[in-house]
Amino acid sequence: MSEPFVTRMTAARIPTKYGDFQLTFYTNNIDNKEHLAFCRGDLANAEEVLVRVHSECFTGDVMGSLRCDCGEQLDRSLALVAKEGLGIVVYLRQEGRGIGLLQKLRAYNLQDEGYDTVDANLMLGHGADERDYSLAARILDDLSVKSVRLMTNNPAKITALKAEGVKVVARVPLEIAVNSESAGYLLTKAKRMDHLFLTKPLTPVFSSKAHEPQSAN
């Protein structure tokens, strides 16, 4: 496999409810997807930059689905970057933890039968999490940041980015209020994927069809 690299194609000002960002468009040599970076402030050679590496979630980011915390995490990340005045939200086009939207919707159907998000992916022939962060690391290289404070609850993401040469100096928790639809999903993240939460997710109702709680994404 070739060494991953990205090419910056263009950037444009995007006014948002949190103020102006620069949206930078990247192509790459690994997949046929266009990855993005929402940027704020003078990033060249900056230290301890506030960064979110966010994987695309059409259902949560666009449609406002309550089955996951993705859309609210994206919104919170933009708000925090805007407040700080310096930061990046890298938007990776790897829907459904890398399995794509079609398979994610099939996984949702399995979850509605009582299987959790991990088992649903495995039943469809996928890994629990197939995301790759090498292109995110190359985007951060292109933006010339020296070190980052990563907004995440997922320690595996920190490990993956460090393995790609990103200097992660701190983790910034990014927790969203739990609802009845997302409780099982968040509990599965904590119990089976080692995500870190300051507050305990709600205890979900167990289905008679599986030993794990219903969940999403």
N, C-alpha and C. Protein backbone atom coordinates (compact mmCIF):
# COMPACT_ATOMS: atom_id res chain seq x y z
N MET A 1 0.84 -1.19 0.00
CA MET A 1 0.00 0.00 0.00
C MET A 1 0.88 1.25 0.00
N SER A 2 0.50 2.24 -0.79
CA SER A 2 1.28 3.47 -0.89
C SER A 2 1.21 4.26 0.41
N GLU A 3 2.25 5.05 0.65
CA GLU A 3 2.23 5.96 1.78
C GLU A 3 1.13 6.99 1.54
N PRO A 4 0.28 7.22 2.54
CA PRO A 4 -0.82 8.17 2.32
C PRO A 4 -0.33 9.60 2.21
N PHE A 5 -0.92 10.35 1.27
CA PHE A 5 -0.67 11.77 1.22
C PHE A 5 -1.94 12.48 0.78
N VAL A 6 -2.04 13.75 1.15
CA VAL A 6 -3.21 14.55 0.78
C VAL A 6 -2.76 15.74 -0.05
N THR A 7 -3.68 16.24 -0.85
CA THR A 7 -3.43 17.43 -1.67
C THR A 7 -4.49 18.46 -1.36
N ARG A 8 -4.06 19.63 -0.94
CA ARG A 8 -5.00 20.72 -0.66
C ARG A 8 -5.44 21.32 -1.99
N MET A 9 -6.75 21.29 -2.27
CA MET A 9 -7.26 21.75 -3.54
C MET A 9 -7.69 23.22 -3.49
N THR A 10 -8.42 23.58 -2.44
CA THR A 10 -8.85 24.96 -2.28
C THR A 10 -9.38 25.15 -0.88
N ALA A 11 -9.60 26.41 -0.53
CA ALA A 11 -10.21 26.74 0.76
C ALA A 11 -11.11 27.94 0.57
N ALA A 12 -12.17 28.02 1.34
CA ALA A 12 -13.12 29.12 1.22
C ALA A 12 -13.65 29.49 2.59
N ARG A 13 -14.02 30.76 2.74
CA ARG A 13 -14.60 31.23 3.99
C ARG A 13 -16.02 30.70 4.14
N ILE A 14 -16.31 30.14 5.30
CA ILE A 14 -17.66 29.64 5.60
C ILE A 14 -18.17 30.35 6.85
N PRO A 15 -19.13 31.26 6.68
CA PRO A 15 -19.71 31.91 7.86
C PRO A 15 -20.69 30.95 8.55
N THR A 16 -20.59 30.83 9.86
CA THR A 16 -21.46 29.94 10.64
C THR A 16 -22.05 30.71 11.80
N LYS A 17 -22.92 30.07 12.54
CA LYS A 17 -23.50 30.71 13.73
C LYS A 17 -22.43 30.98 14.78
N TYR A 18 -21.26 30.34 14.63
CA TYR A 18 -20.16 30.56 15.56
C TYR A 18 -19.11 31.51 15.00
N GLY A 19 -19.36 32.09 13.86
CA GLY A 19 -18.40 32.96 13.22
C GLY A 19 -17.80 32.32 11.98
N ASP A 20 -16.78 32.94 11.43
CA ASP A 20 -16.18 32.48 10.17
C ASP A 20 -15.16 31.37 10.39
N PHE A 21 -15.21 30.38 9.51
CA PHE A 21 -14.20 29.33 9.42
C PHE A 21 -13.68 29.30 7.99
N GLN A 22 -12.50 28.73 7.81
CA GLN A 22 -12.00 28.39 6.48
C GLN A 22 -12.22 26.90 6.27
N LEU A 23 -12.96 26.55 5.23
CA LEU A 23 -13.19 25.15 4.90
C LEU A 23 -12.20 24.75 3.81
N THR A 24 -11.33 23.82 4.14
CA THR A 24 -10.28 23.38 3.22
C THR A 24 -10.63 22.00 2.68
N PHE A 25 -10.50 21.84 1.37
CA PHE A 25 -10.91 20.64 0.64
C PHE A 25 -9.65 19.86 0.23
N TYR A 26 -9.61 18.58 0.57
CA TYR A 26 -8.45 17.74 0.27
C TYR A 26 -8.84 16.54 -0.59
N THR A 27 -7.98 16.21 -1.53
CA THR A 27 -8.01 14.90 -2.18
C THR A 27 -6.85 14.08 -1.63
N ASN A 28 -6.80 12.80 -1.99
CA ASN A 28 -5.75 11.94 -1.46
C ASN A 28 -5.49 10.76 -2.38
N ASN A 29 -4.48 9.97 -2.07
CA ASN A 29 -4.09 8.84 -2.91
C ASN A 29 -4.56 7.50 -2.36
N ILE A 30 -5.40 7.50 -1.33
CA ILE A 30 -5.80 6.25 -0.69
C ILE A 30 -7.22 5.84 -1.06
N ASP A 31 -8.14 6.78 -1.00
CA ASP A 31 -9.53 6.46 -1.32
C ASP A 31 -10.07 7.49 -2.32
N ASN A 32 -11.28 7.33 -2.69
CA ASN A 32 -11.90 8.25 -3.65
C ASN A 32 -12.77 9.29 -2.96
N LYS A 33 -12.47 9.57 -1.71
CA LYS A 33 -13.30 10.48 -0.93
C LYS A 33 -12.61 11.82 -0.74
N GLU A 34 -13.42 12.85 -0.56
CA GLU A 34 -12.89 14.19 -0.31
C GLU A 34 -13.02 14.47 1.19
N HIS A 35 -11.88 14.65 1.84
CA HIS A 35 -11.86 14.95 3.26
C HIS A 35 -11.68 16.44 3.46
N LEU A 36 -12.11 16.93 4.61
CA LEU A 36 -12.25 18.37 4.83
C LEU A 36 -11.61 18.80 6.15
N ALA A 37 -11.31 20.08 6.23
CA ALA A 37 -10.86 20.65 7.50
C ALA A 37 -11.52 22.01 7.69
N PHE A 38 -12.25 22.17 8.78
CA PHE A 38 -12.76 23.46 9.21
C PHE A 38 -11.70 24.10 10.09
N CYS A 39 -11.19 25.24 9.70
CA CYS A 39 -10.05 25.86 10.39
C CYS A 39 -10.41 27.24 10.90
N ARG A 40 -9.79 27.57 12.03
CA ARG A 40 -9.99 28.90 12.62
C ARG A 40 -8.65 29.39 13.14
N GLY A 41 -8.23 30.59 12.76
CA GLY A 41 -7.02 31.21 13.29
C GLY A 41 -5.77 30.88 12.49
N ASP A 42 -4.64 31.42 12.95
CA ASP A 42 -3.34 31.22 12.31
C ASP A 42 -2.70 29.95 12.84
N LEU A 43 -2.75 28.87 12.05
CA LEU A 43 -2.36 27.55 12.52
C LEU A 43 -0.90 27.22 12.28
N ALA A 44 -0.23 27.94 11.42
CA ALA A 44 1.14 27.58 11.04
C ALA A 44 2.06 27.57 12.25
N ASN A 45 2.63 26.39 12.50
CA ASN A 45 3.58 26.18 13.60
C ASN A 45 2.98 26.41 14.99
N ALA A 46 1.66 26.34 15.08
CA ALA A 46 0.99 26.54 16.37
C ALA A 46 1.12 25.30 17.25
N GLU A 47 1.21 25.53 18.55
CA GLU A 47 1.31 24.47 19.54
C GLU A 47 -0.03 24.30 20.26
N GLU A 48 -0.28 23.06 20.68
CA GLU A 48 -1.45 22.74 21.51
C GLU A 48 -2.75 23.24 20.88
N VAL A 49 -2.88 22.99 19.59
CA VAL A 49 -4.08 23.43 18.85
C VAL A 49 -5.27 22.54 19.22
N LEU A 50 -6.41 23.15 19.46
CA LEU A 50 -7.63 22.41 19.76
C LEU A 50 -8.12 21.74 18.47
N VAL A 51 -8.22 20.42 18.48
CA VAL A 51 -8.53 19.66 17.26
C VAL A 51 -9.60 18.61 17.55
N ARG A 52 -10.52 18.50 16.63
CA ARG A 52 -11.47 17.39 16.60
C ARG A 52 -11.28 16.65 15.29
N VAL A 53 -11.06 15.34 15.35
CA VAL A 53 -11.07 14.49 14.16
C VAL A 53 -12.41 13.78 14.16
N HIS A 54 -13.29 14.20 13.27
CA HIS A 54 -14.69 13.76 13.28
C HIS A 54 -14.98 12.91 12.06
N SER A 55 -15.51 11.73 12.29
CA SER A 55 -15.89 10.85 11.18
C SER A 55 -17.33 11.14 10.76
N GLU A 56 -17.53 11.23 9.48
CA GLU A 56 -18.84 11.55 8.91
C GLU A 56 -19.95 10.68 9.49
N CYS A 57 -21.06 11.30 9.81
CA CYS A 57 -22.26 10.59 10.26
C CYS A 57 -23.46 11.31 9.67
N PHE A 58 -23.92 10.85 8.50
CA PHE A 58 -25.03 11.52 7.82
C PHE A 58 -26.26 11.58 8.71
N THR A 59 -26.57 10.47 9.37
CA THR A 59 -27.79 10.43 10.18
C THR A 59 -27.73 11.40 11.34
N GLY A 60 -26.58 11.53 11.98
CA GLY A 60 -26.45 12.42 13.12
C GLY A 60 -26.09 13.84 12.74
N ASP A 61 -25.10 13.99 11.84
CA ASP A 61 -24.61 15.32 11.48
C ASP A 61 -25.63 16.11 10.68
N VAL A 62 -26.34 15.44 9.78
CA VAL A 62 -27.25 16.12 8.85
C VAL A 62 -28.71 16.01 9.30
N MET A 63 -29.12 14.79 9.66
CA MET A 63 -30.53 14.55 9.95
C MET A 63 -30.89 14.72 11.42
N GLY A 64 -29.90 14.90 12.28
CA GLY A 64 -30.18 15.11 13.69
C GLY A 64 -30.65 13.87 14.43
N SER A 65 -30.21 12.69 14.00
CA SER A 65 -30.61 11.45 14.65
C SER A 65 -30.22 11.45 16.13
N LEU A 66 -31.11 10.91 16.95
CA LEU A 66 -30.86 10.78 18.38
C LEU A 66 -30.21 9.45 18.76
N ARG A 67 -29.93 8.61 17.74
CA ARG A 67 -29.36 7.30 18.04
C ARG A 67 -27.90 7.38 18.43
N CYS A 68 -27.23 8.48 18.14
CA CYS A 68 -25.82 8.63 18.46
C CYS A 68 -25.56 10.05 18.93
N ASP A 69 -24.32 10.31 19.34
CA ASP A 69 -23.94 11.63 19.82
C ASP A 69 -23.15 12.42 18.78
N CYS A 70 -23.07 11.91 17.55
CA CYS A 70 -22.16 12.48 16.54
C CYS A 70 -22.49 13.91 16.17
N GLY A 71 -23.75 14.18 15.83
CA GLY A 71 -24.11 15.52 15.39
C GLY A 71 -23.85 16.56 16.46
N GLU A 72 -24.21 16.23 17.69
CA GLU A 72 -23.99 17.18 18.79
C GLU A 72 -22.51 17.35 19.09
N GLN A 73 -21.72 16.29 18.93
CA GLN A 73 -20.28 16.41 19.11
C GLN A 73 -19.67 17.33 18.06
N LEU A 74 -20.12 17.21 16.82
CA LEU A 74 -19.63 18.09 15.76
C LEU A 74 -19.96 19.54 16.08
N ASP A 75 -21.19 19.78 16.47
CA ASP A 75 -21.62 21.14 16.79
C ASP A 75 -20.84 21.69 17.97
N ARG A 76 -20.66 20.88 19.00
CA ARG A 76 -19.90 21.31 20.17
C ARG A 76 -18.45 21.62 19.81
N SER A 77 -17.88 20.81 18.94
CA SER A 77 -16.49 21.02 18.53
C SER A 77 -16.31 22.35 17.82
N LEU A 78 -17.22 22.67 16.91
CA LEU A 78 -17.14 23.95 16.22
C LEU A 78 -17.29 25.11 17.20
N ALA A 79 -18.17 24.95 18.16
CA ALA A 79 -18.37 26.00 19.16
C ALA A 79 -17.12 26.21 20.00
N LEU A 80 -16.47 25.13 20.40
CA LEU A 80 -15.28 25.24 21.23
C LEU A 80 -14.11 25.85 20.46
N VAL A 81 -13.97 25.45 19.19
CA VAL A 81 -12.91 26.03 18.36
C VAL A 81 -13.15 27.53 18.18
N ALA A 82 -14.39 27.90 17.93
CA ALA A 82 -14.72 29.31 17.74
C ALA A 82 -14.45 30.11 19.02
N LYS A 83 -14.80 29.55 20.15
CA LYS A 83 -14.57 30.23 21.43
C LYS A 83 -13.08 30.45 21.66
N GLU A 84 -12.28 29.43 21.32
CA GLU A 84 -10.84 29.54 21.52
C GLU A 84 -10.18 30.45 20.49
N GLY A 85 -10.77 30.52 19.30
CA GLY A 85 -10.23 31.37 18.25
C GLY A 85 -9.15 30.72 17.43
N LEU A 86 -8.78 29.49 17.76
CA LEU A 86 -7.73 28.77 17.06
C LEU A 86 -8.03 27.28 17.15
N GLY A 87 -8.18 26.63 16.00
CA GLY A 87 -8.44 25.20 16.06
C GLY A 87 -8.87 24.63 14.72
N ILE A 88 -9.10 23.33 14.73
CA ILE A 88 -9.42 22.60 13.50
C ILE A 88 -10.45 21.52 13.81
N VAL A 89 -11.42 21.37 12.94
CA VAL A 89 -12.27 20.18 12.92
C VAL A 89 -11.99 19.47 11.60
N VAL A 90 -11.29 18.36 11.68
CA VAL A 90 -11.02 17.53 10.50
C VAL A 90 -12.23 16.63 10.29
N TYR A 91 -12.81 16.68 9.08
CA TYR A 91 -14.02 15.91 8.79
C TYR A 91 -13.67 14.80 7.81
N LEU A 92 -13.62 13.58 8.33
CA LEU A 92 -13.25 12.41 7.53
C LEU A 92 -14.49 11.73 6.98
N ARG A 93 -14.47 11.39 5.71
CA ARG A 93 -15.62 10.77 5.06
C ARG A 93 -15.56 9.26 5.25
N GLN A 94 -15.75 8.81 6.49
CA GLN A 94 -15.75 7.38 6.79
C GLN A 94 -16.97 7.06 7.67
N GLU A 95 -18.11 7.05 6.98
CA GLU A 95 -19.42 6.85 7.59
C GLU A 95 -19.50 5.52 8.35
N GLY A 96 -20.21 5.56 9.46
CA GLY A 96 -20.51 4.33 10.18
C GLY A 96 -19.29 3.60 10.69
N ARG A 97 -18.34 4.33 11.26
CA ARG A 97 -17.06 3.77 11.71
C ARG A 97 -16.38 2.99 10.58
N GLY A 98 -16.53 3.51 9.36
CA GLY A 98 -15.80 2.97 8.22
C GLY A 98 -16.53 1.96 7.38
N ILE A 99 -17.78 1.61 7.72
CA ILE A 99 -18.47 0.57 6.95
C ILE A 99 -19.41 1.14 5.90
N GLY A 100 -19.63 2.45 5.90
CA GLY A 100 -20.49 3.07 4.91
C GLY A 100 -21.94 3.17 5.37
N LEU A 101 -22.69 4.05 4.72
CA LEU A 101 -24.06 4.33 5.14
C LEU A 101 -24.99 3.15 4.96
N LEU A 102 -24.88 2.44 3.83
CA LEU A 102 -25.76 1.28 3.59
C LEU A 102 -25.62 0.26 4.70
N GLN A 103 -24.38 -0.11 5.00
CA GLN A 103 -24.16 -1.12 6.03
C GLN A 103 -24.51 -0.59 7.41
N LYS A 104 -24.33 0.69 7.63
CA LYS A 104 -24.72 1.25 8.93
C LYS A 104 -26.22 1.14 9.13
N LEU A 105 -27.01 1.41 8.07
CA LEU A 105 -28.45 1.28 8.20
C LEU A 105 -28.86 -0.18 8.44
N ARG A 106 -28.15 -1.11 7.80
CA ARG A 106 -28.41 -2.53 8.07
C ARG A 106 -28.06 -2.87 9.51
N ALA A 107 -26.98 -2.27 10.01
CA ALA A 107 -26.61 -2.48 11.41
C ALA A 107 -27.68 -1.91 12.34
N TYR A 108 -28.26 -0.77 11.98
CA TYR A 108 -29.34 -0.20 12.79
C TYR A 108 -30.50 -1.19 12.92
N ASN A 109 -30.83 -1.86 11.82
CA ASN A 109 -31.93 -2.83 11.87
C ASN A 109 -31.61 -3.96 12.84
N LEU A 110 -30.36 -4.41 12.85
CA LEU A 110 -29.96 -5.45 13.80
C LEU A 110 -30.01 -4.92 15.23
N GLN A 111 -29.65 -3.66 15.40
CA GLN A 111 -29.70 -3.07 16.73
C GLN A 111 -31.13 -2.97 17.23
N ASP A 112 -32.07 -2.71 16.32
CA ASP A 112 -33.48 -2.66 16.71
C ASP A 112 -34.01 -4.04 17.08
N GLU A 113 -33.28 -5.10 16.68
CA GLU A 113 -33.62 -6.45 17.10
C GLU A 113 -32.98 -6.80 18.44
N GLY A 114 -32.11 -5.91 18.94
CA GLY A 114 -31.55 -6.12 20.27
C GLY A 114 -30.06 -6.31 20.34
N TYR A 115 -29.37 -6.30 19.21
CA TYR A 115 -27.91 -6.46 19.22
C TYR A 115 -27.25 -5.09 19.40
N ASP A 116 -26.09 -5.10 20.05
CA ASP A 116 -25.44 -3.81 20.23
C ASP A 116 -24.65 -3.43 18.98
N THR A 117 -24.08 -2.22 19.00
CA THR A 117 -23.41 -1.68 17.81
C THR A 117 -22.20 -2.50 17.39
N VAL A 118 -21.50 -3.09 18.35
CA VAL A 118 -20.33 -3.92 18.02
C VAL A 118 -20.78 -5.21 17.37
N ASP A 119 -21.72 -5.92 18.01
CA ASP A 119 -22.17 -7.20 17.46
C ASP A 119 -22.85 -7.03 16.11
N ALA A 120 -23.58 -5.92 15.93
CA ALA A 120 -24.24 -5.69 14.64
C ALA A 120 -23.21 -5.58 13.52
N ASN A 121 -22.13 -4.84 13.75
CA ASN A 121 -21.08 -4.74 12.74
C ASN A 121 -20.44 -6.10 12.46
N LEU A 122 -20.16 -6.85 13.51
CA LEU A 122 -19.54 -8.16 13.34
C LEU A 122 -20.46 -9.12 12.58
N MET A 123 -21.74 -9.05 12.84
CA MET A 123 -22.69 -9.92 12.15
C MET A 123 -22.76 -9.62 10.66
N LEU A 124 -22.44 -8.38 10.28
CA LEU A 124 -22.44 -8.00 8.87
C LEU A 124 -21.09 -8.25 8.20
N GLY A 125 -20.16 -8.84 8.93
CA GLY A 125 -18.86 -9.17 8.36
C GLY A 125 -17.83 -8.07 8.46
N HIS A 126 -18.07 -7.09 9.30
CA HIS A 126 -17.14 -5.97 9.47
C HIS A 126 -16.45 -6.04 10.82
N GLY A 127 -15.40 -5.24 10.98
CA GLY A 127 -14.81 -5.06 12.27
C GLY A 127 -15.66 -4.13 13.11
N ALA A 128 -15.40 -4.13 14.41
CA ALA A 128 -16.15 -3.23 15.29
C ALA A 128 -15.90 -1.78 14.92
N ASP A 129 -14.70 -1.48 14.47
CA ASP A 129 -14.35 -0.11 14.07
C ASP A 129 -13.30 -0.20 12.96
N GLU A 130 -13.67 0.19 11.75
CA GLU A 130 -12.78 0.09 10.59
C GLU A 130 -12.20 1.45 10.17
N ARG A 131 -12.28 2.43 11.03
CA ARG A 131 -11.79 3.76 10.67
C ARG A 131 -10.27 3.80 10.62
N ASP A 132 -9.77 4.69 9.78
CA ASP A 132 -8.33 4.90 9.61
C ASP A 132 -8.06 6.40 9.78
N TYR A 133 -6.99 6.72 10.50
CA TYR A 133 -6.71 8.12 10.79
C TYR A 133 -5.44 8.64 10.12
N SER A 134 -4.91 7.87 9.18
CA SER A 134 -3.67 8.30 8.52
C SER A 134 -3.87 9.58 7.72
N LEU A 135 -5.01 9.72 7.05
CA LEU A 135 -5.24 10.92 6.25
C LEU A 135 -5.49 12.13 7.15
N ALA A 136 -6.11 11.91 8.30
CA ALA A 136 -6.26 13.03 9.25
C ALA A 136 -4.90 13.54 9.69
N ALA A 137 -3.97 12.62 9.92
CA ALA A 137 -2.62 13.02 10.32
C ALA A 137 -1.94 13.82 9.23
N ARG A 138 -2.14 13.41 7.97
CA ARG A 138 -1.52 14.13 6.86
C ARG A 138 -2.15 15.53 6.69
N ILE A 139 -3.45 15.65 6.97
CA ILE A 139 -4.09 16.96 6.92
C ILE A 139 -3.51 17.87 7.99
N LEU A 140 -3.31 17.34 9.18
CA LEU A 140 -2.71 18.14 10.24
C LEU A 140 -1.28 18.53 9.89
N ASP A 141 -0.56 17.63 9.24
CA ASP A 141 0.79 17.98 8.75
C ASP A 141 0.72 19.14 7.76
N ASP A 142 -0.23 19.04 6.82
CA ASP A 142 -0.36 20.07 5.79
C ASP A 142 -0.68 21.43 6.40
N LEU A 143 -1.43 21.42 7.50
CA LEU A 143 -1.80 22.67 8.17
C LEU A 143 -0.71 23.17 9.10
N SER A 144 0.37 22.40 9.22
CA SER A 144 1.60 22.81 9.92
C SER A 144 1.44 23.02 11.42
N VAL A 145 0.48 22.30 12.02
CA VAL A 145 0.37 22.40 13.48
C VAL A 145 1.44 21.52 14.13
N LYS A 146 1.97 21.97 15.25
CA LYS A 146 3.06 21.26 15.92
C LYS A 146 2.57 20.26 16.95
N SER A 147 1.49 20.58 17.63
CA SER A 147 0.93 19.67 18.63
C SER A 147 -0.54 20.00 18.80
N VAL A 148 -1.30 19.02 19.33
CA VAL A 148 -2.75 19.19 19.40
C VAL A 148 -3.28 18.78 20.76
N ARG A 149 -4.38 19.41 21.13
CA ARG A 149 -5.24 18.94 22.22
C ARG A 149 -6.46 18.34 21.53
N LEU A 150 -6.65 17.04 21.69
CA LEU A 150 -7.64 16.32 20.90
C LEU A 150 -8.96 16.21 21.63
N MET A 151 -10.02 16.70 20.98
CA MET A 151 -11.37 16.57 21.52
C MET A 151 -11.91 15.18 21.19
N THR A 152 -11.95 14.31 22.18
CA THR A 152 -12.40 12.94 21.94
C THR A 152 -12.66 12.25 23.28
N ASN A 153 -13.50 11.22 23.22
CA ASN A 153 -13.68 10.31 24.34
C ASN A 153 -13.06 8.95 24.06
N ASN A 154 -12.43 8.83 22.90
CA ASN A 154 -11.96 7.53 22.38
C ASN A 154 -10.44 7.42 22.48
N PRO A 155 -9.91 6.66 23.43
CA PRO A 155 -8.45 6.54 23.55
C PRO A 155 -7.80 5.88 22.34
N ALA A 156 -8.54 5.05 21.61
CA ALA A 156 -7.97 4.39 20.42
C ALA A 156 -7.66 5.42 19.34
N LYS A 157 -8.42 6.50 19.29
CA LYS A 157 -8.16 7.56 18.31
C LYS A 157 -6.85 8.27 18.64
N ILE A 158 -6.62 8.50 19.92
CA ILE A 158 -5.36 9.12 20.34
C ILE A 158 -4.18 8.24 19.97
N THR A 159 -4.30 6.95 20.25
CA THR A 159 -3.23 6.00 19.93
C THR A 159 -2.95 5.97 18.44
N ALA A 160 -4.02 5.95 17.63
CA ALA A 160 -3.86 5.88 16.18
C ALA A 160 -3.18 7.13 15.64
N LEU A 161 -3.57 8.29 16.13
CA LEU A 161 -2.96 9.53 15.64
C LEU A 161 -1.51 9.64 16.08
N LYS A 162 -1.21 9.23 17.30
CA LYS A 162 0.18 9.24 17.76
C LYS A 162 1.03 8.32 16.90
N ALA A 163 0.48 7.17 16.52
CA ALA A 163 1.21 6.23 15.67
C ALA A 163 1.51 6.83 14.30
N GLU A 164 0.68 7.79 13.88
CA GLU A 164 0.89 8.48 12.60
C GLU A 164 1.77 9.72 12.75
N GLY A 165 2.31 9.94 13.94
CA GLY A 165 3.25 11.04 14.13
C GLY A 165 2.65 12.33 14.67
N VAL A 166 1.36 12.31 15.00
CA VAL A 166 0.73 13.50 15.56
C VAL A 166 1.09 13.61 17.05
N LYS A 167 1.53 14.76 17.46
CA LYS A 167 1.87 15.01 18.86
C LYS A 167 0.61 15.43 19.61
N VAL A 168 0.02 14.49 20.34
CA VAL A 168 -1.19 14.76 21.12
C VAL A 168 -0.76 15.04 22.56
N VAL A 169 -0.93 16.27 23.00
CA VAL A 169 -0.44 16.65 24.33
C VAL A 169 -1.53 16.60 25.40
N ALA A 170 -2.79 16.52 24.98
CA ALA A 170 -3.88 16.47 25.96
C ALA A 170 -5.14 15.96 25.29
N ARG A 171 -6.02 15.37 26.11
CA ARG A 171 -7.35 14.96 25.66
C ARG A 171 -8.37 15.91 26.26
N VAL A 172 -9.26 16.41 25.42
CA VAL A 172 -10.35 17.27 25.87
C VAL A 172 -11.64 16.47 25.78
N PRO A 173 -12.28 16.13 26.90
CA PRO A 173 -13.54 15.35 26.85
C PRO A 173 -14.59 16.08 26.03
N LEU A 174 -15.43 15.28 25.36
CA LEU A 174 -16.46 15.86 24.49
C LEU A 174 -17.75 15.08 24.72
N GLU A 175 -18.39 15.36 25.84
CA GLU A 175 -19.57 14.60 26.23
C GLU A 175 -20.85 15.37 25.93
N ILE A 176 -21.85 14.60 25.53
CA ILE A 176 -23.15 15.14 25.15
C ILE A 176 -24.20 14.53 26.08
N ALA A 177 -25.27 15.25 26.34
CA ALA A 177 -26.34 14.74 27.19
C ALA A 177 -26.91 13.44 26.62
N VAL A 178 -27.15 12.48 27.49
CA VAL A 178 -27.66 11.17 27.09
C VAL A 178 -29.18 11.23 26.97
N ASN A 179 -29.71 10.55 25.95
CA ASN A 179 -31.17 10.40 25.84
C ASN A 179 -31.52 8.92 25.77
N SER A 180 -32.79 8.61 25.79
CA SER A 180 -33.21 7.21 25.83
C SER A 180 -32.80 6.44 24.58
N GLU A 181 -32.65 7.13 23.44
CA GLU A 181 -32.24 6.46 22.21
C GLU A 181 -30.74 6.19 22.16
N SER A 182 -29.95 7.07 22.76
CA SER A 182 -28.49 6.94 22.67
C SER A 182 -27.86 6.24 23.86
N ALA A 183 -28.63 5.97 24.90
CA ALA A 183 -28.06 5.43 26.14
C ALA A 183 -27.34 4.10 25.92
N GLY A 184 -27.98 3.18 25.20
CA GLY A 184 -27.35 1.89 24.97
C GLY A 184 -26.09 2.00 24.13
N TYR A 185 -26.14 2.86 23.14
CA TYR A 185 -24.98 3.11 22.28
C TYR A 185 -23.79 3.61 23.09
N LEU A 186 -24.04 4.58 23.95
CA LEU A 186 -22.95 5.14 24.75
C LEU A 186 -22.45 4.13 25.78
N LEU A 187 -23.35 3.34 26.34
CA LEU A 187 -22.92 2.31 27.29
C LEU A 187 -22.04 1.27 26.61
N THR A 188 -22.40 0.90 25.37
CA THR A 188 -21.58 -0.05 24.62
C THR A 188 -20.22 0.55 24.32
N LYS A 189 -20.17 1.83 23.96
CA LYS A 189 -18.89 2.49 23.76
C LYS A 189 -18.00 2.37 24.99
N ALA A 190 -18.60 2.61 26.16
CA ALA A 190 -17.84 2.57 27.40
C ALA A 190 -17.40 1.15 27.75
N LYS A 191 -18.32 0.19 27.62
CA LYS A 191 -18.05 -1.18 28.09
C LYS A 191 -17.22 -2.00 27.11
N ARG A 192 -17.45 -1.81 25.82
CA ARG A 192 -16.82 -2.69 24.84
C ARG A 192 -15.76 -2.01 23.98
N MET A 193 -15.73 -0.68 23.97
CA MET A 193 -14.78 0.04 23.14
C MET A 193 -13.90 0.99 23.95
N ASP A 194 -14.02 0.90 25.28
CA ASP A 194 -13.14 1.62 26.21
C ASP A 194 -13.22 3.14 26.09
N HIS A 195 -14.33 3.67 25.63
CA HIS A 195 -14.47 5.12 25.59
C HIS A 195 -14.55 5.66 27.02
N LEU A 196 -14.06 6.86 27.19
CA LEU A 196 -13.97 7.47 28.51
C LEU A 196 -15.08 8.49 28.69
N PHE A 197 -15.84 8.33 29.77
CA PHE A 197 -16.92 9.27 30.05
C PHE A 197 -16.82 9.75 31.49
N LEU A 198 -17.02 11.05 31.68
CA LEU A 198 -17.01 11.62 33.02
C LEU A 198 -18.29 11.28 33.76
N THR A 199 -19.39 11.15 33.00
CA THR A 199 -20.68 10.80 33.58
C THR A 199 -21.10 9.43 33.06
N LYS A 200 -21.80 8.69 33.85
CA LYS A 200 -22.21 7.34 33.49
C LYS A 200 -23.42 7.38 32.56
N PRO A 201 -23.35 6.69 31.40
CA PRO A 201 -24.53 6.63 30.53
C PRO A 201 -25.71 5.97 31.24
N LEU A 202 -26.90 6.31 30.80
CA LEU A 202 -28.10 5.71 31.38
C LEU A 202 -28.09 4.20 31.19
N THR A 203 -28.65 3.49 32.14
CA THR A 203 -28.77 2.03 32.01
C THR A 203 -29.88 1.73 31.04
N PRO A 204 -29.59 1.04 29.91
CA PRO A 204 -30.63 0.77 28.91
C PRO A 204 -31.49 -0.43 29.27
N VAL A 205 -32.60 -0.56 28.57
CA VAL A 205 -33.44 -1.73 28.71
C VAL A 205 -32.86 -2.85 27.85
N PHE A 206 -32.68 -4.04 28.41
CA PHE A 206 -32.11 -5.14 27.65
C PHE A 206 -33.19 -5.83 26.83
N SER A 207 -32.81 -6.23 25.63
CA SER A 207 -33.72 -6.95 24.76
C SER A 207 -33.66 -8.45 25.06
N SER A 208 -34.76 -9.14 24.87
CA SER A 208 -34.77 -10.59 25.06
C SER A 208 -34.05 -11.32 23.94
N LYS A 209 -33.71 -10.61 22.84
CA LYS A 209 -33.09 -11.26 21.68
C LYS A 209 -31.57 -11.24 21.75
N ALA A 210 -31.00 -10.55 22.71
CA ALA A 210 -29.55 -10.48 22.78
C ALA A 210 -29.14 -10.16 24.20
N HIS A 211 -27.90 -10.47 24.51
CA HIS A 211 -27.39 -10.21 25.86
C HIS A 211 -26.87 -8.79 26.02
N GLU A 212 -26.66 -8.10 24.91
CA GLU A 212 -26.17 -6.73 24.96
C GLU A 212 -27.33 -5.75 24.77
N PRO A 213 -27.20 -4.52 25.26
CA PRO A 213 -28.28 -3.54 25.10
C PRO A 213 -28.43 -3.06 23.68
N GLN A 214 -29.61 -2.56 23.36
CA GLN A 214 -29.81 -1.92 22.06
C GLN A 214 -28.95 -0.67 22.01
N SER A 215 -28.44 -0.36 20.81
CA SER A 215 -27.61 0.82 20.65
C SER A 215 -27.61 1.25 19.20
N ALA A 216 -26.70 2.15 18.86
CA ALA A 216 -26.73 2.72 17.53
C ALA A 216 -25.36 2.98 17.00
N ASN A 217 -25.34 3.28 15.68
CA ASN A 217 -24.12 3.66 14.94
C ASN A 217 -23.04 2.61 15.05
